[in-house]
Amino acid sequence: MRGWSSRGHLEDRGWLRGAPPPWWVRVLPVLLLAAVGSATLVTPHARDLGFLLGAIPPLAVLSYGPAATGVLGVGVVVMLNVPATHLNRPGDTDLLTIVFVAALSVFVSYVRSHRDAQLNTERAIGEAVQRAVLPPLPERVGRVGCAAFYRPAQDGTLVGGDFFDVRHGPHGVRAVMGDVQGHGLSAVATVVSLLGAFREAALDQPDLESVAARLDRRLAVDSADVRHAELFATALLVEFTPGSTAMRVVACGHPAPVLLHGDQAREVGVAPGPPLGIGLLGVDRPKEVTVPLGPDDRVFLASDGVWEARDAAGTFYPLPERLAALAHTPTAELPAAVWADLLRRHYAVRDDATILVLAPAPPDR
């Protein structure tokens, strides 16, 4: 599965996931042709190795285009008919089989190369969509340092059901992290809608409670004309106002942030509110909570994919405890360090995984 960090780098995809084949796969057909040819030239006893030549055209399909595959196929046929190689006595059936395999390999290589070109185009479009929906964060937004990590749960996709953003506006720096119902491509439309609503509300609304109300209304409007839509999302909103040494938090059904203070990490106490789009009668709207901050405090936000990761015994990943152990990690490296810690300790992540670290500088800096 692929993910990306706020530094804008995608995780390397494997050879079987669309990356170019490793060098040894490209060299193997040529090396095999040269090795069998050399061996048969040296001694007639090596003619029993001639069967290996039949594998060269299919191997070439993995790395080469139709032209190079055809050249290697011709090389195999020529070698079978050169007296010096002691291989010039194949039966007509054997020779026709090799010719057929070589011709078929050229055709398969032609199809593969065209499909690869199409997949590369689609992958480029997907990455462009990802950067439009969730652009890599700058290192600093206003007076707040930022770092993020994102990995969708659905294999082969670049965008899933998690979303986040950090914006600087007239009311300070505001950040959001959320998780819409479902994951993968089916959730992308809702992600786009909520991010658009947040980016507008972050500039216009005077407080975080009003921003949360705007997001809630956006979901209600989107699902109004859809029968049995049951559209909802969790969200966590954070605000750093100018001249303040505190942050404001509004939680809408989302896990609370973790505050890193020196070597300590503690979950922030929030006023839990219902998820966005639930529309429960008689339930109060999410309330804003003010949290004091120290000079070098950092705020760690994570989605359910991180909080609910489990090991083989079914135990949840102890996020605050592990953050305390990683407290000396620089802000820019902390999201990737937490992800690496998850993998190293063999915790299974079954949902979109999103990490956002915010490091506000004191107002006098």
Protein backbone atom coordinates (compact mmCIF):
# COMPACT_ATOMS: atom_id res chain seq x y z
CA MET A 1 0.00 0.00 0.00
CA ARG A 2 1.16 3.47 -0.80
CA GLY A 3 1.29 6.53 1.39
CA TRP A 4 2.79 9.97 1.37
CA SER A 5 4.21 12.45 3.81
CA SER A 6 3.95 16.22 4.02
CA ARG A 7 7.34 16.41 2.35
CA GLY A 8 5.51 15.30 -0.79
CA HIS A 9 7.12 11.88 -1.25
CA LEU A 10 5.12 8.81 -2.17
CA GLU A 11 6.16 5.50 -0.72
CA ASP A 12 7.99 3.38 -3.27
CA ARG A 13 5.67 0.96 -5.00
CA GLY A 14 6.91 -2.56 -5.62
CA TRP A 15 7.77 -4.12 -8.95
CA LEU A 16 4.48 -6.02 -9.01
CA ARG A 17 2.58 -2.78 -8.30
CA GLY A 18 3.60 -0.90 -11.42
CA ALA A 19 7.20 0.10 -10.76
CA PRO A 20 9.83 -0.69 -13.43
CA PRO A 21 11.34 -4.17 -13.02
CA PRO A 22 14.64 -4.42 -11.14
CA TRP A 23 17.88 -4.42 -13.08
CA TRP A 24 18.43 -8.16 -12.74
CA VAL A 25 15.13 -8.90 -14.49
CA ARG A 26 16.20 -6.75 -17.45
CA VAL A 27 19.62 -8.36 -17.61
CA LEU A 28 18.39 -11.94 -17.21
CA PRO A 29 17.29 -12.66 -20.85
CA VAL A 30 20.52 -11.25 -22.32
CA LEU A 31 22.63 -12.98 -19.70
CA LEU A 32 20.87 -16.30 -20.31
CA LEU A 33 21.35 -16.02 -24.07
CA ALA A 34 25.04 -15.23 -23.64
CA ALA A 35 25.62 -17.95 -21.05
CA VAL A 36 23.97 -20.74 -23.06
CA GLY A 37 25.69 -19.60 -26.27
CA SER A 38 29.10 -19.47 -24.62
CA ALA A 39 28.68 -22.86 -22.97
CA THR A 40 27.62 -24.56 -26.19
CA LEU A 41 30.50 -23.01 -28.11
CA VAL A 42 33.00 -24.33 -25.59
CA THR A 43 31.80 -27.93 -25.41
CA PRO A 44 29.25 -30.08 -27.28
CA HIS A 45 28.19 -31.57 -23.94
CA ALA A 46 26.40 -28.31 -23.12
CA ARG A 47 23.81 -28.80 -25.83
CA ASP A 48 21.47 -30.21 -23.19
CA LEU A 49 21.15 -26.61 -21.96
CA GLY A 50 19.42 -25.62 -25.18
CA PHE A 51 16.00 -25.94 -23.59
CA LEU A 52 16.79 -22.77 -21.58
CA LEU A 53 16.67 -20.73 -24.78
CA GLY A 54 12.90 -21.21 -24.90
CA ALA A 55 12.56 -19.15 -21.73
CA ILE A 56 14.30 -16.07 -23.15
CA PRO A 57 11.41 -14.51 -25.14
CA PRO A 58 8.89 -14.83 -22.25
CA LEU A 59 11.45 -13.34 -19.86
CA ALA A 60 12.03 -10.45 -22.25
CA VAL A 61 8.30 -9.59 -22.08
CA LEU A 62 8.73 -8.55 -18.44
CA SER A 63 11.20 -5.77 -19.24
CA TYR A 64 11.38 -4.98 -22.94
CA GLY A 65 9.17 -3.61 -25.66
CA PRO A 66 8.11 -5.57 -28.74
CA ALA A 67 11.19 -4.56 -30.79
CA ALA A 68 13.75 -5.71 -28.21
CA THR A 69 11.71 -8.85 -27.49
CA GLY A 70 11.70 -9.63 -31.22
CA VAL A 71 15.46 -9.14 -31.45
CA LEU A 72 16.03 -11.57 -28.58
CA GLY A 73 13.63 -14.05 -30.17
CA VAL A 74 15.53 -13.86 -33.45
CA GLY A 75 18.75 -14.36 -31.52
CA VAL A 76 17.40 -17.58 -30.04
CA VAL A 77 16.36 -18.93 -33.47
CA VAL A 78 19.73 -18.01 -34.98
CA MET A 79 21.61 -19.71 -32.16
CA LEU A 80 19.60 -22.88 -32.71
CA ASN A 81 20.73 -22.94 -36.36
CA VAL A 82 24.45 -22.16 -35.93
CA PRO A 83 26.54 -25.36 -36.24
CA ALA A 84 29.22 -24.12 -33.86
CA THR A 85 26.76 -24.17 -30.93
CA HIS A 86 25.97 -27.87 -31.46
CA LEU A 87 22.28 -26.92 -31.25
CA ASN A 88 21.57 -27.04 -34.98
CA ARG A 89 19.70 -30.30 -34.85
CA PRO A 90 16.35 -29.35 -33.35
CA GLY A 91 13.36 -31.14 -34.79
CA ASP A 92 10.97 -29.22 -36.96
CA THR A 93 8.36 -29.31 -34.20
CA ASP A 94 10.81 -27.94 -31.61
CA LEU A 95 11.93 -25.14 -33.93
CA LEU A 96 8.37 -24.17 -34.79
CA THR A 97 7.51 -24.15 -31.10
CA ILE A 98 10.37 -21.73 -30.37
CA VAL A 99 9.34 -19.49 -33.28
CA PHE A 100 5.74 -19.49 -32.10
CA VAL A 101 6.73 -18.67 -28.51
CA ALA A 102 8.96 -15.83 -29.76
CA ALA A 103 6.17 -14.39 -31.95
CA LEU A 104 3.65 -14.71 -29.14
CA SER A 105 6.07 -12.97 -26.75
CA VAL A 106 6.38 -10.03 -29.16
CA PHE A 107 2.59 -9.71 -29.22
CA VAL A 108 2.31 -9.92 -25.41
CA SER A 109 5.09 -7.34 -25.06
CA TYR A 110 3.20 -5.00 -27.38
CA VAL A 111 0.03 -5.34 -25.28
CA ARG A 112 1.94 -4.93 -22.00
CA SER A 113 3.81 -1.81 -23.12
CA HIS A 114 0.56 -0.14 -24.19
CA ARG A 115 -1.14 -1.09 -20.94
CA ASP A 116 1.82 0.23 -18.95
CA ALA A 117 1.57 3.54 -20.78
CA GLN A 118 -2.13 3.75 -19.95
CA LEU A 119 -1.52 2.84 -16.30
CA ASN A 120 1.22 5.46 -16.02
CA THR A 121 -1.19 8.07 -17.38
CA GLU A 122 -3.90 7.01 -14.93
CA ARG A 123 -1.41 7.01 -12.07
CA ALA A 124 -0.28 10.53 -12.97
CA ILE A 125 -3.92 11.64 -12.99
CA GLY A 126 -4.46 9.96 -9.62
CA GLU A 127 -1.47 11.74 -8.10
CA ALA A 128 -2.70 15.04 -9.52
CA VAL A 129 -6.11 14.41 -7.92
CA GLN A 130 -4.43 13.60 -4.62
CA ARG A 131 -2.44 16.81 -4.64
CA ALA A 132 -5.58 18.77 -5.51
CA VAL A 133 -7.62 17.15 -2.73
CA LEU A 134 -4.87 16.76 -0.12
CA PRO A 135 -1.88 18.86 -1.20
CA PRO A 136 1.36 18.25 0.68
CA LEU A 137 1.51 20.63 3.62
CA PRO A 138 4.14 23.36 3.75
CA GLU A 139 6.61 23.15 6.61
CA ARG A 140 4.91 26.13 8.26
CA VAL A 141 1.47 27.69 8.08
CA GLY A 142 1.52 31.03 9.82
CA ARG A 143 3.34 30.44 13.10
CA VAL A 144 2.52 26.72 13.17
CA GLY A 145 4.98 24.08 11.99
CA CYS A 146 3.30 21.20 10.16
CA ALA A 147 4.08 17.60 9.27
CA ALA A 148 1.74 14.90 8.03
CA PHE A 149 1.52 11.30 6.87
CA TYR A 150 -1.33 9.77 4.90
CA ARG A 151 -1.95 6.22 3.68
CA PRO A 152 -5.29 5.11 2.22
CA ALA A 153 -6.56 1.68 3.17
CA GLN A 154 -7.71 0.66 -0.31
CA ASP A 155 -4.82 -0.87 -2.20
CA GLY A 156 -3.90 0.91 -5.40
CA THR A 157 -5.57 4.23 -4.53
CA LEU A 158 -4.05 7.54 -3.51
CA VAL A 159 -7.05 9.14 -1.84
CA GLY A 160 -9.36 7.57 0.75
CA GLY A 161 -11.86 8.53 3.42
CA ASP A 162 -9.54 10.55 5.67
CA PHE A 163 -8.94 14.24 5.15
CA PHE A 164 -6.98 17.05 6.78
CA ASP A 165 -5.91 20.60 6.09
CA VAL A 166 -4.23 23.56 7.78
CA ARG A 167 -5.20 27.12 6.84
CA HIS A 168 -4.08 30.59 7.88
CA GLY A 169 -6.84 33.18 8.00
CA PRO A 170 -8.09 36.28 9.79
CA HIS A 171 -8.90 34.25 12.93
CA GLY A 172 -5.51 32.54 13.14
CA VAL A 173 -4.33 29.13 12.02
CA ARG A 174 -7.07 26.51 11.80
CA ALA A 175 -6.62 22.80 11.18
CA VAL A 176 -9.03 19.97 10.51
CA MET A 177 -8.74 16.20 10.50
CA GLY A 178 -11.68 14.01 9.63
CA ASP A 179 -12.83 10.57 8.59
CA VAL A 180 -15.90 10.10 6.41
CA GLN A 181 -18.10 7.04 6.35
CA GLY A 182 -16.39 4.23 4.46
CA HIS A 183 -13.01 4.46 2.80
CA GLY A 184 -11.43 4.31 -0.62
CA LEU A 185 -12.83 5.79 -3.80
CA SER A 186 -16.44 5.78 -2.60
CA ALA A 187 -15.55 8.36 0.07
CA VAL A 188 -13.58 10.76 -2.12
CA ALA A 189 -16.58 12.89 -3.17
CA THR A 190 -17.49 13.52 0.47
CA VAL A 191 -13.87 14.33 1.31
CA VAL A 192 -13.74 16.93 -1.47
CA SER A 193 -17.02 18.47 -0.30
CA LEU A 194 -15.96 18.73 3.34
CA LEU A 195 -12.53 20.14 2.53
CA GLY A 196 -14.10 22.81 0.36
CA ALA A 197 -16.52 23.72 3.16
CA PHE A 198 -13.70 23.89 5.71
CA ARG A 199 -11.47 26.08 3.54
CA GLU A 200 -14.28 28.56 3.10
CA ALA A 201 -15.50 28.46 6.71
CA ALA A 202 -11.96 28.83 8.09
CA LEU A 203 -11.85 32.28 6.51
CA ASP A 204 -15.41 33.39 7.28
CA GLN A 205 -16.58 31.94 10.58
CA PRO A 206 -15.64 33.66 13.86
CA ASP A 207 -15.15 30.49 15.95
CA LEU A 208 -14.60 26.76 15.60
CA GLU A 209 -18.12 25.86 16.64
CA SER A 210 -19.39 27.82 13.63
CA VAL A 211 -16.88 26.05 11.38
CA ALA A 212 -18.14 22.68 12.65
CA ALA A 213 -21.72 23.79 12.00
CA ARG A 214 -20.80 24.70 8.41
CA LEU A 215 -19.30 21.24 7.83
CA ASP A 216 -22.37 19.62 9.36
CA ARG A 217 -24.65 21.60 7.07
CA ARG A 218 -22.54 20.64 4.06
CA LEU A 219 -23.09 16.95 4.80
CA ALA A 220 -26.79 17.47 5.39
CA VAL A 221 -27.17 19.23 2.03
CA ASP A 222 -25.15 16.56 0.19
CA SER A 223 -27.30 13.73 1.57
CA ALA A 224 -30.69 15.48 1.37
CA ASP A 225 -31.57 14.11 -2.06
CA VAL A 226 -30.01 10.68 -1.57
CA ARG A 227 -32.33 8.01 -0.20
CA HIS A 228 -30.88 6.16 2.80
CA ALA A 229 -27.62 8.05 2.38
CA GLU A 230 -26.61 7.72 6.07
CA LEU A 231 -23.78 10.10 5.28
CA PHE A 232 -21.69 11.13 8.26
CA ALA A 233 -18.11 11.95 9.20
CA THR A 234 -16.02 12.47 12.30
CA ALA A 235 -13.90 15.59 12.53
CA LEU A 236 -11.44 17.31 14.84
CA LEU A 237 -10.95 21.09 14.56
CA VAL A 238 -8.01 22.96 16.09
CA GLU A 239 -7.34 26.70 16.20
CA PHE A 240 -4.30 28.76 17.16
CA THR A 241 -5.31 32.41 17.47
CA PRO A 242 -2.86 35.33 17.13
CA GLY A 243 -1.22 36.41 20.39
CA SER A 244 -2.56 33.41 22.33
CA THR A 245 -0.62 30.73 24.20
CA ALA A 246 -3.50 28.29 24.02
CA MET A 247 -5.31 26.28 21.37
CA ARG A 248 -9.00 25.72 20.87
CA VAL A 249 -10.39 22.30 20.03
CA VAL A 250 -13.77 21.07 18.79
CA ALA A 251 -14.29 17.30 18.53
CA CYS A 252 -17.10 15.85 16.40
CA GLY A 253 -16.93 12.16 17.14
CA HIS A 254 -13.21 12.03 16.36
CA PRO A 255 -10.39 10.83 18.66
CA ALA A 256 -8.95 13.64 20.76
CA PRO A 257 -5.52 15.10 19.99
CA VAL A 258 -2.45 14.13 21.99
CA LEU A 259 -0.35 16.89 23.52
CA LEU A 260 3.43 16.36 23.54
CA HIS A 261 5.04 18.27 26.39
CA GLY A 262 8.73 17.47 26.74
CA ASP A 263 9.01 13.71 27.32
CA GLN A 264 5.34 13.39 28.19
CA ALA A 265 2.35 12.70 25.95
CA ARG A 266 -1.22 12.96 27.16
CA GLU A 267 -4.58 12.80 25.48
CA VAL A 268 -6.30 16.18 25.55
CA GLY A 269 -9.63 16.35 27.36
CA VAL A 270 -12.31 17.50 24.91
CA ALA A 271 -16.06 17.95 25.00
CA PRO A 272 -17.11 15.02 22.76
CA GLY A 273 -19.77 15.89 20.23
CA PRO A 274 -21.70 13.78 17.71
CA PRO A 275 -20.23 13.12 14.27
CA LEU A 276 -21.06 15.48 11.45
CA GLY A 277 -24.23 14.70 9.53
CA ILE A 278 -25.89 12.61 12.27
CA GLY A 279 -28.59 15.20 12.96
CA LEU A 280 -29.75 13.73 16.30
CA LEU A 281 -32.62 15.60 17.93
CA GLY A 282 -32.00 16.92 21.41
CA VAL A 283 -28.21 16.52 21.16
CA ASP A 284 -26.12 19.63 21.75
CA ARG A 285 -23.68 20.76 19.13
CA PRO A 286 -19.97 20.14 19.75
CA LYS A 287 -18.48 22.58 22.26
CA GLU A 288 -15.17 24.38 21.99
CA VAL A 289 -12.48 23.63 24.59
CA THR A 290 -9.45 25.82 25.31
CA VAL A 291 -6.17 24.03 26.05
CA PRO A 292 -3.10 25.93 27.37
CA LEU A 293 0.18 25.30 25.58
CA GLY A 294 3.79 25.46 26.68
CA PRO A 295 6.56 27.10 24.59
CA ASP A 296 7.63 23.89 22.79
CA ASP A 297 4.46 21.83 22.96
CA ARG A 298 3.33 19.90 19.91
CA VAL A 299 -0.14 18.67 19.02
CA PHE A 300 -0.53 15.20 17.51
CA LEU A 301 -3.69 14.32 15.58
CA ALA A 302 -4.39 10.84 14.22
CA SER A 303 -7.28 9.07 12.53
CA ASP A 304 -8.99 5.85 13.60
CA GLY A 305 -6.63 3.87 11.41
CA VAL A 306 -3.79 4.69 13.81
CA TRP A 307 -5.71 4.63 17.09
CA GLU A 308 -7.42 1.32 16.28
CA ALA A 309 -4.42 -0.57 14.91
CA ARG A 310 -4.20 -3.95 16.63
CA ASP A 311 -1.50 -6.51 17.20
CA ALA A 312 -1.87 -10.29 16.92
CA ALA A 313 -3.42 -10.43 20.42
CA GLY A 314 -6.05 -7.82 19.50
CA THR A 315 -4.49 -5.09 21.64
CA PHE A 316 -4.81 -1.51 20.43
CA TYR A 317 -1.71 0.47 19.57
CA PRO A 318 -0.76 2.49 22.71
CA LEU A 319 -0.41 5.81 20.90
CA PRO A 320 0.28 8.20 23.84
CA GLU A 321 2.80 5.76 25.32
CA ARG A 322 4.64 5.34 22.02
CA LEU A 323 4.59 9.08 21.38
CA ALA A 324 6.30 9.63 24.72
CA ALA A 325 9.01 7.18 23.63
CA LEU A 326 9.40 9.09 20.34
CA ALA A 327 9.21 12.54 21.93
CA HIS A 328 12.73 13.57 20.86
CA THR A 329 11.96 12.96 17.19
CA PRO A 330 11.91 16.22 15.18
CA THR A 331 8.48 17.42 14.14
CA ALA A 332 9.12 16.87 10.42
CA GLU A 333 10.08 13.23 11.07
CA LEU A 334 7.54 12.33 13.76
CA PRO A 335 4.63 11.16 11.52
CA ALA A 336 6.89 8.78 9.58
CA ALA A 337 8.49 7.61 12.86
CA VAL A 338 5.09 6.68 14.31
CA TRP A 339 4.16 4.81 11.13
CA ALA A 340 7.47 2.94 11.17
CA ASP A 341 6.90 2.09 14.84
CA LEU A 342 3.47 0.65 13.97
CA LEU A 343 4.95 -1.58 11.29
CA ARG A 344 7.96 -2.59 13.36
CA ARG A 345 5.71 -3.75 16.20
CA HIS A 346 3.46 -5.65 13.77
CA TYR A 347 0.25 -3.72 14.38
CA ALA A 348 -2.34 -4.31 11.65
CA VAL A 349 -3.86 -1.14 10.17
CA ARG A 350 -7.22 -1.85 8.54
CA ASP A 351 -8.42 1.68 7.82
CA ASP A 352 -7.07 4.85 6.25
CA ALA A 353 -4.15 6.04 8.38
CA THR A 354 -3.59 9.77 8.81
CA ILE A 355 -1.18 11.60 11.09
CA LEU A 356 -0.86 15.36 11.53
CA VAL A 357 1.62 17.08 13.84
CA LEU A 358 1.25 20.79 14.64
CA ALA A 359 4.04 22.72 16.40
CA PRO A 360 2.89 26.27 17.22
CA ALA A 361 5.63 28.79 17.90
CA PRO A 362 5.10 31.15 20.85
CA PRO A 363 3.38 34.41 19.83
CA ASP A 364 6.52 36.50 20.43
CA ARG A 365 8.60 34.53 17.89
